[in-house]
Amino acid sequence: MSERPFEALGLSADADRAYPLLVATRGVANGELARQMGVSREQAEDACGELAGRGLARQGRDGRWYPVPPQSTLLPLVARAQEQLRRGRELLDRLGVEYQRVHEGHRAEEIVRVVEGQAAIARWAEQLHASAASELMAFVRTDKDGAGGDGGDALADPLACGRATAPGVRRRVVFERAGFESMNLESPAALAALDPPGARQQAYVRVTDRLPVRLCVADRSLALLPLPADGRPPDPVMLVIRPSGLLDALVALFESVWAGGVPVGRLDASSPPVRTDAGGPRSVLQSRILAMLVSGSTDAAMARALGVAVRTVQRHIAAMQRDAGVDNRIRLVWHAARHGWLDDGYEAREVVPSD
């Protein structure tokens, strides 16, 4: 048993020792109590006075000290002490959470910031592109939630990876098929937007049937996520997301969609297409036609996007069928997938460090 059984109740050391002695006697004088405790008479008297003040002892008419029954006095004190300990534990837990939030984690407003208005969104987009040091990743949509809605130009989207960045920044862009078909990939504006002048590395573009969100991520450390709306709001809203579990989830989402997208190849017309065997696409144009064919585009849509005639698209498809030794488009797509004709070389390239 502890030498201070009632210390938690706030009793002094002398009072803590005196009370069991009082309980063990039928009344004791100050002098006798002092002798049993091994203290001075004044100390014994002070201890008894403290016990009396707490309702644990009383002094009889004969001057001797008597204990008050412990169940009627100590139990309320114990209950009060337990309640104080419970409240103390709750306070400790709250302080622990607050300490972690301030000193070990991030405030909610530091992780996610809400930006409203087209002008504010454009400023954040400029800042994100200018701050990128190694890589930009973007989902570009052209539906009612995107900047290019209602048939608008997808490259006008402030989140697209066509803005000024530091030399060597790798750009990876995933387009929705409908928006990709609406672009004229042969136009100088399209090439400049996807591959800004002065860049030391090409933009990699892939196409998927449908994107879950619009998104742009710089260096996996800052993301811009516009919020979708049922209609075009007067003041669009966007989330600015800093390093957190949410940002990690968005990066994982991008990588998943990117892995399942159809490579379009490098968009610099002066660069030859990736060749994996002698039967692969013989030109950048054929590479783009093949990518759009695999993604489900019609001949007319491919012609519009590539700025050529429908017959030109059909002629190039027939030429690739001859090279592959197949007699229809389904077998051409299967052969292209099997022999790596759609490989854009992304996995084999490394990011060029910025100066």
Protein backbone atom coordinates (compact mmCIF):
# COMPACT_ATOMS: atom_id res chain seq x y z
CA MET A 1 0.00 0.00 0.00
CA SER A 2 1.22 3.51 -0.73
CA GLU A 3 2.64 5.55 2.17
CA ARG A 4 0.39 8.39 1.02
CA PRO A 5 -2.99 6.70 0.43
CA PHE A 6 -4.94 9.97 0.39
CA GLU A 7 -2.42 12.15 -1.42
CA ALA A 8 -4.69 12.29 -4.47
CA LEU A 9 -7.39 13.83 -2.26
CA GLY A 10 -5.17 16.80 -1.48
CA LEU A 11 -4.22 15.89 2.09
CA SER A 12 -0.84 16.94 3.43
CA ALA A 13 1.69 14.30 4.41
CA ASP A 14 1.01 14.77 8.14
CA ALA A 15 -2.78 14.62 7.71
CA ASP A 16 -2.38 11.57 5.47
CA ARG A 17 -0.50 9.80 8.27
CA ALA A 18 -2.73 11.04 11.08
CA TYR A 19 -6.09 9.83 9.77
CA PRO A 20 -5.31 6.05 9.84
CA LEU A 21 -3.99 6.49 13.40
CA LEU A 22 -7.22 8.18 14.47
CA VAL A 23 -9.26 5.38 12.89
CA ALA A 24 -7.21 2.83 14.85
CA THR A 25 -7.97 4.46 18.24
CA ARG A 26 -11.00 5.44 20.27
CA GLY A 27 -9.72 8.96 20.59
CA VAL A 28 -6.23 10.34 20.98
CA ALA A 29 -4.74 13.47 22.49
CA ASN A 30 -2.38 15.72 20.61
CA GLY A 31 0.64 14.62 22.60
CA GLU A 32 0.00 10.90 22.08
CA LEU A 33 -0.69 11.42 18.35
CA ALA A 34 2.54 13.41 18.03
CA ARG A 35 4.48 10.56 19.67
CA GLN A 36 2.93 7.96 17.34
CA MET A 37 3.63 10.10 14.28
CA GLY A 38 7.13 11.06 15.37
CA VAL A 39 6.46 14.76 14.95
CA SER A 40 6.09 17.77 17.21
CA ARG A 41 2.89 18.47 19.13
CA GLU A 42 2.23 21.52 16.98
CA GLN A 43 2.48 19.43 13.78
CA ALA A 44 0.09 16.84 15.15
CA GLU A 45 -2.38 19.55 16.13
CA ASP A 46 -2.15 21.14 12.66
CA ALA A 47 -2.74 17.75 11.02
CA CYS A 48 -5.86 17.16 13.11
CA GLY A 49 -7.09 20.65 12.32
CA GLU A 50 -6.66 19.95 8.60
CA LEU A 51 -8.62 16.69 8.95
CA ALA A 52 -11.36 18.51 10.81
CA GLY A 53 -11.51 21.14 8.07
CA ARG A 54 -12.03 18.37 5.49
CA GLY A 55 -14.74 16.72 7.62
CA LEU A 56 -12.56 13.72 8.45
CA ALA A 57 -12.05 14.31 12.19
CA ARG A 58 -13.63 16.06 15.19
CA GLN A 59 -12.39 17.15 18.60
CA GLY A 60 -14.37 15.91 21.58
CA ARG A 61 -15.20 17.81 24.76
CA ASP A 62 -12.35 15.94 26.43
CA GLY A 63 -9.86 17.53 24.00
CA ARG A 64 -9.13 14.27 22.27
CA TRP A 65 -9.41 13.77 18.48
CA TYR A 66 -11.86 11.28 16.98
CA PRO A 67 -12.23 10.14 13.34
CA VAL A 68 -15.41 10.63 11.32
CA PRO A 69 -16.58 7.39 9.55
CA PRO A 70 -14.60 7.15 6.28
CA GLN A 71 -17.56 6.07 4.11
CA SER A 72 -19.47 9.27 4.82
CA THR A 73 -16.50 11.59 4.29
CA LEU A 74 -13.85 10.00 2.09
CA LEU A 75 -16.19 8.56 -0.56
CA PRO A 76 -17.42 12.02 -1.67
CA LEU A 77 -13.82 13.22 -1.76
CA VAL A 78 -12.80 10.20 -3.85
CA ALA A 79 -15.73 10.75 -6.22
CA ARG A 80 -14.80 14.44 -6.59
CA ALA A 81 -11.16 13.52 -7.25
CA GLN A 82 -12.20 10.97 -9.88
CA GLU A 83 -14.32 13.59 -11.65
CA GLN A 84 -11.41 16.03 -11.63
CA LEU A 85 -9.14 13.34 -13.08
CA ARG A 86 -11.68 12.58 -15.81
CA ARG A 87 -11.89 16.24 -16.76
CA GLY A 88 -8.13 16.49 -16.66
CA ARG A 89 -7.85 13.54 -19.04
CA GLU A 90 -10.31 15.13 -21.45
CA LEU A 91 -8.36 18.39 -21.35
CA LEU A 92 -5.13 16.47 -21.94
CA ASP A 93 -6.62 14.76 -24.99
CA ARG A 94 -7.83 18.08 -26.42
CA LEU A 95 -4.45 19.69 -25.84
CA GLY A 96 -2.76 16.73 -27.49
CA VAL A 97 -4.89 17.12 -30.61
CA GLU A 98 -4.26 20.86 -30.67
CA TYR A 99 -0.50 20.34 -30.28
CA GLN A 100 -0.44 17.86 -33.14
CA ARG A 101 -2.48 20.19 -35.35
CA VAL A 102 -0.24 23.18 -34.71
CA HIS A 103 3.20 21.64 -34.27
CA GLU A 104 3.15 18.30 -36.08
CA GLY A 105 0.54 18.64 -38.82
CA HIS A 106 -1.19 21.26 -40.88
CA ARG A 107 -4.13 23.49 -40.28
CA ALA A 108 -7.12 22.64 -42.46
CA GLU A 109 -6.88 26.00 -44.19
CA GLU A 110 -3.21 25.30 -44.96
CA ILE A 111 -4.09 22.04 -46.75
CA VAL A 112 -7.13 23.13 -48.77
CA ARG A 113 -7.88 26.69 -49.82
CA VAL A 114 -11.04 27.75 -51.64
CA VAL A 115 -10.54 30.21 -54.51
CA GLU A 116 -13.49 31.95 -56.15
CA GLY A 117 -13.73 33.88 -59.40
CA GLN A 118 -12.22 33.43 -62.85
CA ALA A 119 -9.52 36.06 -62.25
CA ALA A 120 -8.33 34.45 -59.01
CA ILE A 121 -8.31 31.01 -60.63
CA ALA A 122 -6.23 32.33 -63.53
CA ARG A 123 -3.71 33.87 -61.11
CA TRP A 124 -3.32 30.59 -59.25
CA ALA A 125 -2.90 28.74 -62.54
CA GLU A 126 -0.11 31.12 -63.57
CA GLN A 127 1.54 30.69 -60.18
CA LEU A 128 1.33 26.89 -60.34
CA HIS A 129 2.87 26.69 -63.81
CA ALA A 130 5.59 29.19 -62.94
CA SER A 131 6.52 27.30 -59.76
CA ALA A 132 6.87 23.88 -61.39
CA ALA A 133 10.45 22.62 -61.32
CA SER A 134 10.22 19.07 -62.70
CA GLU A 135 6.72 17.97 -63.77
CA LEU A 136 3.21 19.13 -64.54
CA MET A 137 0.25 16.76 -64.78
CA ALA A 138 -3.18 17.79 -66.03
CA PHE A 139 -6.65 16.48 -66.82
CA VAL A 140 -8.23 18.65 -69.53
CA ARG A 141 -11.97 18.40 -70.01
CA THR A 142 -14.18 20.30 -72.44
CA ASP A 143 -17.63 19.68 -71.00
CA LYS A 144 -19.83 22.15 -69.14
CA ASP A 145 -17.46 22.05 -66.15
CA GLY A 146 -14.41 22.95 -68.20
CA ALA A 147 -13.08 26.17 -69.60
CA GLY A 148 -13.59 24.85 -73.10
CA GLY A 149 -17.26 23.98 -72.69
CA ASP A 150 -19.89 24.52 -75.34
CA GLY A 151 -17.43 23.71 -78.09
CA GLY A 152 -14.72 26.03 -76.76
CA ASP A 153 -11.02 25.49 -77.24
CA ALA A 154 -9.57 23.02 -74.73
CA LEU A 155 -6.24 24.81 -74.87
CA ALA A 156 -7.87 27.91 -73.36
CA ASP A 157 -8.29 26.01 -70.11
CA PRO A 158 -6.06 27.81 -67.54
CA LEU A 159 -5.17 24.40 -66.05
CA ALA A 160 -3.80 22.97 -69.29
CA CYS A 161 -0.04 22.45 -69.35
CA GLY A 162 0.71 24.96 -72.05
CA ARG A 163 1.82 27.92 -69.97
CA ALA A 164 5.31 29.17 -69.31
CA THR A 165 7.40 26.84 -67.14
CA ALA A 166 11.06 26.44 -66.26
CA PRO A 167 13.25 24.63 -68.82
CA GLY A 168 13.15 20.87 -68.49
CA VAL A 169 9.72 20.63 -66.88
CA ARG A 170 8.00 17.49 -68.14
CA ARG A 171 4.34 17.91 -69.06
CA ARG A 172 1.80 15.08 -69.06
CA VAL A 173 -1.71 15.88 -70.25
CA VAL A 174 -4.75 13.63 -70.47
CA PHE A 175 -7.57 14.79 -72.74
CA GLU A 176 -11.10 13.54 -73.03
CA ARG A 177 -11.68 12.07 -76.48
CA ALA A 178 -14.43 14.55 -77.38
CA GLY A 179 -12.24 17.53 -76.53
CA PHE A 180 -9.22 16.03 -78.25
CA GLU A 181 -11.20 15.55 -81.45
CA SER A 182 -12.21 19.22 -81.38
CA MET A 183 -8.58 20.37 -81.40
CA ASN A 184 -6.60 21.09 -84.55
CA LEU A 185 -3.37 19.35 -83.64
CA GLU A 186 -1.61 20.63 -86.73
CA SER A 187 -2.11 24.29 -85.84
CA PRO A 188 0.92 26.24 -84.55
CA ALA A 189 -1.21 27.43 -81.61
CA ALA A 190 -1.86 23.86 -80.49
CA LEU A 191 1.78 22.86 -80.73
CA ALA A 192 2.93 26.01 -78.91
CA ALA A 193 0.36 25.52 -76.18
CA LEU A 194 1.30 21.92 -75.50
CA ASP A 195 5.02 22.47 -76.03
CA PRO A 196 5.97 26.06 -75.10
CA PRO A 197 8.94 27.62 -76.91
CA GLY A 198 12.24 27.08 -75.14
CA ALA A 199 11.20 23.85 -73.42
CA ARG A 200 13.90 21.20 -73.35
CA GLN A 201 11.44 18.32 -73.10
CA GLN A 202 8.27 17.43 -74.97
CA ALA A 203 4.74 17.26 -73.69
CA TYR A 204 3.29 13.77 -73.45
CA VAL A 205 -0.38 13.55 -74.34
CA ARG A 206 -2.81 10.70 -73.82
CA VAL A 207 -6.51 10.39 -74.50
CA THR A 208 -9.23 8.68 -72.52
CA ASP A 209 -12.96 8.39 -73.07
CA ARG A 210 -13.96 10.25 -69.90
CA LEU A 211 -12.11 12.13 -67.15
CA PRO A 212 -13.44 12.18 -63.56
CA VAL A 213 -12.37 15.77 -62.80
CA ARG A 214 -10.38 18.71 -64.10
CA LEU A 215 -7.00 18.80 -62.41
CA CYS A 216 -3.50 20.22 -62.57
CA VAL A 217 -0.62 19.13 -60.30
CA ALA A 218 2.85 20.69 -60.09
CA ASP A 219 5.77 18.62 -58.76
CA ARG A 220 3.30 16.46 -56.80
CA SER A 221 3.29 19.23 -54.19
CA LEU A 222 0.49 21.58 -55.30
CA ALA A 223 -2.79 20.81 -57.05
CA LEU A 224 -5.61 22.88 -58.50
CA LEU A 225 -9.01 21.18 -58.50
CA PRO A 226 -11.98 23.12 -59.94
CA LEU A 227 -15.31 22.18 -58.41
CA PRO A 228 -17.94 20.96 -60.89
CA ALA A 229 -21.28 22.72 -61.17
CA ASP A 230 -24.64 21.92 -62.75
CA GLY A 231 -24.39 25.05 -64.88
CA ARG A 232 -21.79 27.71 -65.57
CA PRO A 233 -21.71 29.72 -62.31
CA PRO A 234 -21.11 33.46 -62.24
CA ASP A 235 -18.12 32.87 -59.96
CA PRO A 236 -16.41 29.51 -60.52
CA VAL A 237 -14.82 27.84 -57.49
CA MET A 238 -11.53 25.96 -57.29
CA LEU A 239 -9.64 24.16 -54.52
CA VAL A 240 -5.92 24.75 -53.97
CA ILE A 241 -4.52 21.61 -52.34
CA ARG A 242 -1.14 21.37 -50.64
CA PRO A 243 0.81 18.27 -49.47
CA SER A 244 -1.61 15.95 -47.69
CA GLY A 245 -3.35 12.60 -48.02
CA LEU A 246 -5.83 14.30 -50.35
CA LEU A 247 -3.04 15.43 -52.68
CA ASP A 248 -1.55 11.92 -52.64
CA ALA A 249 -4.95 10.52 -53.66
CA LEU A 250 -5.22 12.98 -56.56
CA VAL A 251 -1.73 12.04 -57.79
CA ALA A 252 -2.66 8.34 -57.59
CA LEU A 253 -5.85 9.08 -59.56
CA PHE A 254 -3.85 10.83 -62.28
CA GLU A 255 -1.37 7.94 -62.55
CA SER A 256 -4.21 5.43 -62.82
CA VAL A 257 -5.97 7.36 -65.61
CA TRP A 258 -2.64 8.04 -67.34
CA ALA A 259 -1.77 4.34 -67.36
CA GLY A 260 -5.08 3.51 -69.03
CA GLY A 261 -4.96 6.35 -71.58
CA VAL A 262 -4.10 5.99 -75.25
CA PRO A 263 -0.75 7.62 -76.10
CA VAL A 264 -0.90 10.22 -78.83
CA GLY A 265 2.85 10.54 -79.07
CA ARG A 266 5.03 13.62 -79.01
CA LEU A 267 3.41 16.64 -80.59
CA ASP A 268 6.44 18.25 -82.19
CA ALA A 269 5.99 17.72 -85.92
CA SER A 270 9.77 17.81 -86.41
CA SER A 271 10.26 14.77 -84.16
CA PRO A 272 9.92 11.29 -85.66
CA PRO A 273 7.37 8.94 -84.11
CA VAL A 274 8.47 6.25 -81.72
CA ARG A 275 9.34 3.15 -83.78
CA THR A 276 9.29 -0.24 -82.10
CA ASP A 277 9.58 -2.31 -85.29
CA ALA A 278 9.75 -1.82 -89.05
CA GLY A 279 5.97 -1.99 -89.36
CA GLY A 280 5.18 0.88 -87.03
CA PRO A 281 3.69 4.24 -88.00
CA ARG A 282 5.87 5.99 -90.54
CA SER A 283 5.02 9.57 -89.63
CA VAL A 284 3.77 11.74 -86.79
CA LEU A 285 0.47 12.00 -88.63
CA GLN A 286 0.08 8.24 -88.75
CA SER A 287 0.87 8.02 -85.05
CA ARG A 288 -1.89 10.48 -84.25
CA ILE A 289 -4.37 8.79 -86.55
CA LEU A 290 -3.63 5.44 -84.92
CA ALA A 291 -4.04 6.87 -81.41
CA MET A 292 -7.37 8.46 -82.28
CA LEU A 293 -8.51 5.28 -84.00
CA VAL A 294 -7.75 3.26 -80.88
CA SER A 295 -9.60 5.80 -78.70
CA GLY A 296 -12.73 5.40 -80.84
CA SER A 297 -12.68 8.52 -83.02
CA THR A 298 -14.50 8.54 -86.35
CA ASP A 299 -12.77 9.31 -89.62
CA ALA A 300 -14.48 12.69 -89.75
CA ALA A 301 -13.41 13.56 -86.20
CA MET A 302 -9.81 12.56 -86.93
CA ALA A 303 -9.81 14.67 -90.07
CA ARG A 304 -11.09 17.73 -88.19
CA ALA A 305 -8.55 17.33 -85.38
CA LEU A 306 -5.64 16.77 -87.76
CA GLY A 307 -6.63 19.43 -90.30
CA VAL A 308 -6.69 16.98 -93.23
CA ALA A 309 -9.28 15.48 -95.52
CA VAL A 310 -11.23 12.38 -94.56
CA ARG A 311 -9.74 10.54 -97.56
CA THR A 312 -6.26 11.35 -96.24
CA VAL A 313 -7.12 9.73 -92.92
CA GLN A 314 -8.50 6.66 -94.68
CA ARG A 315 -5.45 6.42 -96.93
CA HIS A 316 -3.08 6.42 -93.93
CA ILE A 317 -5.15 3.81 -92.11
CA ALA A 318 -5.03 1.57 -95.21
CA ALA A 319 -1.25 2.03 -95.38
CA MET A 320 -0.84 0.98 -91.73
CA GLN A 321 -3.05 -2.04 -92.35
CA ARG A 322 -0.74 -3.09 -95.20
CA ASP A 323 2.34 -2.60 -93.01
CA ALA A 324 0.74 -4.73 -90.28
CA GLY A 325 -0.43 -7.38 -92.72
CA VAL A 326 -4.09 -7.14 -91.67
CA ASP A 327 -7.26 -6.50 -93.63
CA ASN A 328 -9.42 -4.49 -91.20
CA ARG A 329 -9.21 -1.85 -88.51
CA ILE A 330 -9.97 -4.15 -85.58
CA ARG A 331 -6.98 -6.31 -86.44
CA LEU A 332 -4.88 -3.17 -86.96
CA VAL A 333 -5.67 -1.98 -83.44
CA TRP A 334 -4.91 -5.44 -82.00
CA HIS A 335 -1.63 -5.62 -83.93
CA ALA A 336 -0.65 -2.09 -82.83
CA ALA A 337 -1.28 -2.91 -79.17
CA ARG A 338 0.62 -6.21 -79.39
CA HIS A 339 3.68 -4.72 -81.10
CA GLY A 340 3.92 -1.50 -79.08
CA TRP A 341 3.04 0.89 -81.88
CA LEU A 342 1.28 3.12 -79.37
CA ASP A 343 4.28 3.44 -77.05
CA ASP A 344 5.08 7.13 -76.60
CA GLY A 345 8.43 6.44 -74.96
CA TYR A 346 7.37 8.08 -71.69
CA GLU A 347 8.47 5.24 -69.41
CA ALA A 348 11.95 5.20 -70.94
CA ARG A 349 12.57 8.91 -70.45
CA GLU A 350 13.77 10.68 -67.36
CA VAL A 351 12.99 14.17 -66.15
CA VAL A 352 15.70 16.65 -67.11
CA PRO A 353 16.68 18.55 -63.93
CA SER A 354 15.94 22.23 -64.05
CA ASP A 355 18.86 24.64 -64.15
